[in-house]
Amino acid sequence: MKNVTITLDEEVARWARIRAAEGDTSLSRLVGELLREKMLEESDYQTSMKNYLAQSPRVLKKKGHTYPEREVLHDRQGLR
């Protein structure tokens, strides 16, 4: 484990101390767990995005198929 020093404003420090006490843990452990969760979230997101972008493009519209015009889709008789 690596020791670090951080600076928090009073409101954040108060919230963190209360949260740590509620979880029966130290402030240091709480901050470490929060940072680890954030790191894992970002790692999961990066992995998911990489997998998504590695996929081959898909055809969304079949040949000969046309989409409705914008005016038809947004025609709201009740608003006229």
N, C-alpha and C. Protein backbone atom coordinates (compact mmCIF):
# COMPACT_ATOMS: atom_id res chain seq x y z
N MET A 1 0.84 -1.18 0.00
CA MET A 1 0.00 0.00 0.00
C MET A 1 0.89 1.24 0.00
N LYS A 2 0.37 2.27 -0.64
CA LYS A 2 1.08 3.53 -0.75
C LYS A 2 0.34 4.58 0.07
N ASN A 3 1.05 5.31 0.90
CA ASN A 3 0.46 6.41 1.67
C ASN A 3 0.50 7.68 0.84
N VAL A 4 -0.61 8.40 0.83
CA VAL A 4 -0.69 9.68 0.13
C VAL A 4 -1.36 10.70 1.04
N THR A 5 -1.12 11.95 0.75
CA THR A 5 -1.76 13.04 1.49
C THR A 5 -2.69 13.76 0.53
N ILE A 6 -3.92 13.98 0.97
CA ILE A 6 -4.88 14.70 0.12
C ILE A 6 -5.44 15.89 0.89
N THR A 7 -5.94 16.86 0.16
CA THR A 7 -6.56 18.03 0.76
C THR A 7 -8.03 18.04 0.37
N LEU A 8 -8.90 18.16 1.37
CA LEU A 8 -10.34 18.19 1.14
C LEU A 8 -10.92 19.46 1.73
N ASP A 9 -11.97 19.98 1.11
CA ASP A 9 -12.64 21.11 1.75
C ASP A 9 -13.44 20.56 2.93
N GLU A 10 -13.85 21.44 3.81
CA GLU A 10 -14.48 21.03 5.07
C GLU A 10 -15.73 20.17 4.86
N GLU A 11 -16.57 20.57 3.92
CA GLU A 11 -17.82 19.84 3.70
C GLU A 11 -17.55 18.41 3.23
N VAL A 12 -16.61 18.25 2.31
CA VAL A 12 -16.27 16.92 1.80
C VAL A 12 -15.64 16.08 2.91
N ALA A 13 -14.77 16.68 3.69
CA ALA A 13 -14.11 15.96 4.78
C ALA A 13 -15.13 15.49 5.81
N ARG A 14 -16.09 16.36 6.14
CA ARG A 14 -17.13 15.99 7.11
C ARG A 14 -17.97 14.82 6.58
N TRP A 15 -18.39 14.93 5.30
CA TRP A 15 -19.17 13.85 4.69
C TRP A 15 -18.38 12.54 4.71
N ALA A 16 -17.10 12.61 4.36
CA ALA A 16 -16.27 11.40 4.28
C ALA A 16 -16.09 10.77 5.66
N ARG A 17 -15.88 11.59 6.69
CA ARG A 17 -15.73 11.04 8.05
C ARG A 17 -17.01 10.34 8.50
N ILE A 18 -18.15 10.95 8.20
CA ILE A 18 -19.44 10.35 8.58
C ILE A 18 -19.64 9.04 7.82
N ARG A 19 -19.38 9.08 6.54
CA ARG A 19 -19.54 7.88 5.70
C ARG A 19 -18.62 6.75 6.18
N ALA A 20 -17.39 7.09 6.53
CA ALA A 20 -16.45 6.08 7.03
C ALA A 20 -16.94 5.50 8.35
N ALA A 21 -17.44 6.36 9.24
CA ALA A 21 -17.94 5.88 10.53
C ALA A 21 -19.15 4.97 10.34
N GLU A 22 -20.04 5.33 9.42
CA GLU A 22 -21.20 4.49 9.14
C GLU A 22 -20.79 3.12 8.62
N GLY A 23 -19.72 3.09 7.86
CA GLY A 23 -19.24 1.82 7.31
C GLY A 23 -18.24 1.12 8.21
N ASP A 24 -18.04 1.67 9.41
CA ASP A 24 -17.10 1.10 10.39
C ASP A 24 -15.73 0.88 9.76
N THR A 25 -15.24 1.91 9.07
CA THR A 25 -13.93 1.84 8.43
C THR A 25 -13.20 3.16 8.63
N SER A 26 -11.96 3.20 8.25
CA SER A 26 -11.19 4.43 8.38
C SER A 26 -11.43 5.33 7.18
N LEU A 27 -11.14 6.59 7.34
CA LEU A 27 -11.26 7.54 6.24
C LEU A 27 -10.32 7.15 5.11
N SER A 28 -9.13 6.71 5.47
CA SER A 28 -8.15 6.28 4.48
C SER A 28 -8.68 5.11 3.66
N ARG A 29 -9.26 4.13 4.32
CA ARG A 29 -9.81 2.95 3.65
C ARG A 29 -10.98 3.35 2.75
N LEU A 30 -11.84 4.24 3.24
CA LEU A 30 -12.98 4.71 2.46
C LEU A 30 -12.52 5.37 1.16
N VAL A 31 -11.56 6.27 1.25
CA VAL A 31 -11.06 6.96 0.06
C VAL A 31 -10.41 5.95 -0.89
N GLY A 32 -9.66 5.02 -0.35
CA GLY A 32 -9.04 3.99 -1.18
C GLY A 32 -10.06 3.15 -1.93
N GLU A 33 -11.15 2.78 -1.24
CA GLU A 33 -12.20 1.97 -1.87
C GLU A 33 -12.93 2.77 -2.95
N LEU A 34 -13.21 4.05 -2.67
CA LEU A 34 -13.87 4.89 -3.66
C LEU A 34 -13.02 5.04 -4.92
N LEU A 35 -11.73 5.24 -4.74
CA LEU A 35 -10.84 5.37 -5.89
C LEU A 35 -10.73 4.06 -6.66
N ARG A 36 -10.70 2.94 -5.95
CA ARG A 36 -10.64 1.64 -6.62
C ARG A 36 -11.91 1.40 -7.44
N GLU A 37 -13.08 1.73 -6.87
CA GLU A 37 -14.34 1.58 -7.60
C GLU A 37 -14.32 2.42 -8.87
N LYS A 38 -13.86 3.65 -8.77
CA LYS A 38 -13.79 4.54 -9.93
C LYS A 38 -12.85 3.96 -10.99
N MET A 39 -11.72 3.45 -10.56
CA MET A 39 -10.75 2.86 -11.48
C MET A 39 -11.37 1.67 -12.22
N LEU A 40 -12.08 0.80 -11.49
CA LEU A 40 -12.70 -0.37 -12.11
C LEU A 40 -13.82 0.03 -13.07
N GLU A 41 -14.60 1.05 -12.71
CA GLU A 41 -15.65 1.54 -13.60
C GLU A 41 -15.06 2.01 -14.93
N GLU A 42 -14.00 2.80 -14.84
CA GLU A 42 -13.37 3.31 -16.06
C GLU A 42 -12.77 2.18 -16.87
N SER A 43 -12.18 1.21 -16.20
CA SER A 43 -11.59 0.07 -16.89
C SER A 43 -12.67 -0.73 -17.61
N ASP A 44 -13.80 -0.97 -16.93
CA ASP A 44 -14.91 -1.70 -17.55
C ASP A 44 -15.46 -0.94 -18.75
N TYR A 45 -15.57 0.38 -18.62
CA TYR A 45 -16.09 1.19 -19.73
C TYR A 45 -15.14 1.11 -20.92
N GLN A 46 -13.85 1.25 -20.67
CA GLN A 46 -12.88 1.21 -21.76
C GLN A 46 -12.91 -0.15 -22.46
N THR A 47 -13.01 -1.23 -21.71
CA THR A 47 -13.07 -2.57 -22.29
C THR A 47 -14.34 -2.73 -23.13
N SER A 48 -15.47 -2.28 -22.60
CA SER A 48 -16.73 -2.38 -23.33
C SER A 48 -16.69 -1.57 -24.62
N MET A 49 -16.16 -0.36 -24.55
CA MET A 49 -16.09 0.49 -25.74
C MET A 49 -15.16 -0.12 -26.78
N LYS A 50 -14.04 -0.66 -26.34
CA LYS A 50 -13.10 -1.30 -27.26
C LYS A 50 -13.76 -2.48 -27.97
N ASN A 51 -14.49 -3.31 -27.22
CA ASN A 51 -15.19 -4.45 -27.81
C ASN A 51 -16.27 -4.00 -28.79
N TYR A 52 -17.00 -2.96 -28.43
CA TYR A 52 -18.06 -2.46 -29.31
C TYR A 52 -17.47 -1.93 -30.62
N LEU A 53 -16.41 -1.14 -30.52
CA LEU A 53 -15.81 -0.56 -31.71
C LEU A 53 -15.10 -1.59 -32.58
N ALA A 54 -14.77 -2.74 -32.02
CA ALA A 54 -14.10 -3.80 -32.78
C ALA A 54 -15.08 -4.59 -33.64
N GLN A 55 -16.37 -4.43 -33.40
CA GLN A 55 -17.38 -5.17 -34.17
C GLN A 55 -17.47 -4.64 -35.60
N SER A 56 -17.85 -5.52 -36.50
CA SER A 56 -18.08 -5.12 -37.89
C SER A 56 -19.36 -4.30 -37.97
N PRO A 57 -19.41 -3.36 -38.91
CA PRO A 57 -20.63 -2.57 -39.07
C PRO A 57 -21.82 -3.45 -39.45
N ARG A 58 -23.01 -3.07 -39.03
CA ARG A 58 -24.22 -3.81 -39.35
C ARG A 58 -25.11 -2.97 -40.25
N VAL A 59 -25.80 -3.64 -41.14
CA VAL A 59 -26.76 -2.97 -42.00
C VAL A 59 -28.04 -2.76 -41.21
N LEU A 60 -28.47 -1.52 -41.11
CA LEU A 60 -29.68 -1.22 -40.35
C LEU A 60 -30.91 -1.14 -41.24
N LYS A 61 -30.70 -0.85 -42.51
CA LYS A 61 -31.82 -0.69 -43.43
C LYS A 61 -31.65 -1.67 -44.58
N LYS A 62 -32.67 -2.47 -44.83
CA LYS A 62 -32.61 -3.44 -45.92
C LYS A 62 -32.84 -2.73 -47.25
N LYS A 63 -32.31 -3.31 -48.31
CA LYS A 63 -32.48 -2.74 -49.65
C LYS A 63 -33.96 -2.63 -49.98
N GLY A 64 -34.31 -1.51 -50.58
CA GLY A 64 -35.69 -1.31 -50.98
C GLY A 64 -36.59 -0.78 -49.88
N HIS A 65 -36.14 -0.83 -48.66
CA HIS A 65 -36.93 -0.35 -47.53
C HIS A 65 -36.71 1.15 -47.38
N THR A 66 -37.78 1.89 -47.24
CA THR A 66 -37.65 3.33 -47.02
C THR A 66 -38.23 3.69 -45.66
N TYR A 67 -37.65 4.68 -45.08
CA TYR A 67 -38.15 5.17 -43.80
C TYR A 67 -39.23 6.22 -44.05
N PRO A 68 -40.15 6.38 -43.10
CA PRO A 68 -41.18 7.41 -43.25
C PRO A 68 -40.52 8.80 -43.25
N GLU A 69 -41.17 9.74 -43.91
CA GLU A 69 -40.69 11.12 -43.92
C GLU A 69 -40.82 11.72 -42.52
N ARG A 70 -39.98 12.67 -42.23
CA ARG A 70 -39.97 13.32 -40.93
C ARG A 70 -41.34 13.92 -40.60
N GLU A 71 -41.94 14.56 -41.57
CA GLU A 71 -43.24 15.21 -41.34
C GLU A 71 -44.31 14.20 -40.92
N VAL A 72 -44.26 13.02 -41.49
CA VAL A 72 -45.23 11.98 -41.13
C VAL A 72 -45.00 11.51 -39.70
N LEU A 73 -43.75 11.32 -39.33
CA LEU A 73 -43.43 10.86 -37.98
C LEU A 73 -43.83 11.87 -36.92
N HIS A 74 -43.68 13.15 -37.24
CA HIS A 74 -43.92 14.20 -36.25
C HIS A 74 -45.27 14.89 -36.42
N ASP A 75 -46.14 14.33 -37.24
CA ASP A 75 -47.47 14.90 -37.45
C ASP A 75 -48.33 14.60 -36.23
N ARG A 76 -48.71 15.64 -35.54
CA ARG A 76 -49.52 15.48 -34.33
C ARG A 76 -50.82 16.26 -34.53
N GLN A 77 -51.84 15.54 -34.88
CA GLN A 77 -53.13 16.16 -35.18
C GLN A 77 -53.66 16.98 -34.01
N GLY A 78 -53.44 16.49 -32.81
CA GLY A 78 -53.95 17.18 -31.63
C GLY A 78 -53.30 18.52 -31.37
N LEU A 79 -52.16 18.79 -31.98
CA LEU A 79 -51.46 20.04 -31.73
C LEU A 79 -51.78 21.11 -32.76
N ARG A 80 -52.59 20.79 -33.72
CA ARG A 80 -52.91 21.78 -34.78
C ARG A 80 -54.11 22.60 -34.42
